[in-house]
């Protein structure tokens, strides 16, 4: 009987040992499962981190190029606006210079015309016996329009022989 009791203890010992080993094996697999789960989750978060980082970097690169495009567009528009103002300045300058050149030639024309008329008026070819500035001459003095817009007095004289 002692033999059976010892045998029962031995069997019980091996059963307990079996369940203890089973417990540790299960514990080992559970721990392994959680460790693997931890690394899978960690890997997931690392991948997620790099994906988010990629999109953030992509966003800033795109933002950089958009800002660069706007800056370039601003300077191109500014360049053309300045170019238009410069062209407008030179066009206005051209017409102002043209205006003063035309004005110069008109004034020169009237100065020359004035001196020509003055020359012909001062060299009277009437004989000395003719009366100048008679009443008829005063009546015949008239005004007429010169094309430039200025008025000029022209005197028509009627000379009568005095006896």
Foldseek 3Di string as FASTA:
>chain_A
DVVVVVVVVVVVVVVVVVVVVVVVVVVVVVVVVVVVVVVVVVVVVVVVVVVVVVVVVVVVVVVVVVVVVVVVVVVVVVVVVVVVVVVVVVVVVVVVVVVVVVVVVVVVVVVVVVVVVVVVVVDDPDDPQWDWPDPVQVVQWDWDDDVVGDIDTDTDIDIDGDD
